[in-house]
Protein backbone atom coordinates (compact mmCIF):
# COMPACT_ATOMS: atom_id res chain seq x y z
CA MET A 1 72.13 -3.00 58.63
CA ALA A 2 75.80 -3.57 57.87
CA GLN A 3 75.18 -7.25 58.27
CA PHE A 4 72.31 -7.08 55.66
CA ARG A 5 74.45 -5.07 53.19
CA ARG A 6 77.46 -7.65 53.72
CA MET A 7 75.20 -10.41 52.98
CA LEU A 8 73.70 -8.83 49.86
CA ILE A 9 77.02 -8.21 48.62
CA ILE A 10 78.06 -11.72 49.09
CA LEU A 11 74.86 -12.92 47.44
CA ALA A 12 75.56 -10.63 44.45
CA VAL A 13 79.20 -12.02 44.04
CA ALA A 14 78.04 -15.50 44.16
CA LEU A 15 75.44 -15.01 41.51
CA THR A 16 77.66 -13.27 39.16
CA VAL A 17 81.00 -15.32 39.46
CA SER A 18 79.13 -18.79 39.29
CA THR A 19 80.32 -21.45 36.75
CA SER A 20 78.39 -22.82 34.02
CA ALA A 21 75.82 -25.38 35.08
CA HIS A 22 76.01 -27.76 31.88
CA ALA A 23 72.27 -28.38 32.10
CA TYR A 24 69.89 -28.62 29.49
CA LEU A 25 66.15 -27.15 29.54
CA ASP A 26 64.18 -28.71 26.73
CA PRO A 27 61.32 -26.35 25.15
CA GLY A 28 58.55 -28.34 27.30
CA THR A 29 60.24 -27.12 30.51
CA THR A 30 60.82 -23.69 29.19
CA SER A 31 57.07 -23.41 28.30
CA TYR A 32 56.04 -25.01 31.56
CA TYR A 33 57.98 -22.34 33.59
CA LEU A 34 56.50 -19.51 31.31
CA GLN A 35 53.29 -20.86 31.91
CA LEU A 36 53.82 -20.94 35.77
CA PHE A 37 55.01 -17.36 35.48
CA PHE A 38 51.92 -16.06 33.55
CA ALA A 39 49.26 -17.86 35.66
CA PHE A 40 50.98 -16.45 39.04
CA LEU A 41 51.10 -12.99 37.35
CA VAL A 42 47.42 -13.10 36.09
CA GLY A 43 46.38 -14.56 39.57
CA SER A 44 48.17 -12.02 41.50
CA LEU A 45 46.63 -9.14 39.55
CA ILE A 46 43.17 -10.62 39.80
CA PHE A 47 43.73 -11.05 43.64
CA PHE A 48 44.95 -7.47 44.11
CA LYS A 49 42.28 -6.01 41.81
CA SER A 50 39.55 -7.78 43.91
CA ILE A 51 40.92 -6.34 46.97
CA PHE A 52 41.19 -2.85 45.59
CA PHE A 53 37.64 -2.95 44.53
CA ASN A 54 36.40 -4.12 47.94
CA ILE A 55 38.32 -1.32 49.54
CA LYS A 56 37.06 1.03 46.93
CA SER A 57 33.21 -0.04 47.53
CA TYR A 58 33.83 0.53 51.20
CA PHE A 59 34.82 3.97 51.26
CA GLN A 60 32.10 4.56 48.46
CA LYS A 61 29.37 3.32 50.80
CA ILE A 62 30.78 5.63 53.45
CA TYR A 63 30.94 8.77 51.45
CA ASN A 64 27.40 8.12 49.93
CA THR A 65 26.22 7.72 53.44
CA VAL A 66 27.79 11.13 54.53
CA LEU A 67 26.42 12.82 51.48
CA LYS A 68 22.94 11.37 52.33
CA ARG A 69 23.07 12.85 55.59
CA LYS A 70 24.21 16.19 54.52
CA LYS A 71 21.51 16.39 51.84
CA SER A 72 18.95 15.58 54.55
CA THR A 73 20.26 18.16 56.98
CA ASN A 74 20.32 20.89 54.11
CA THR A 75 16.68 20.39 53.04
CA LYS A 76 15.35 20.42 56.70
CA LEU A 77 16.66 24.06 56.76
């Protein structure tokens, strides 16, 4: 754990003390990276939404089966 903390501190210092890059990013590059970011964001949201609904429907099927069994046992009494 101490080694991880030490590496994290070194990384934080390296990122904050860096010199300027003297690089140019034109608007086309910036819009490309924004497009990649939003495509990744929307794609991951749709992916996790589909997983959530699959898990939700699985538990709903189990719950509905249990309710049907309870109703059938209650009507026989």
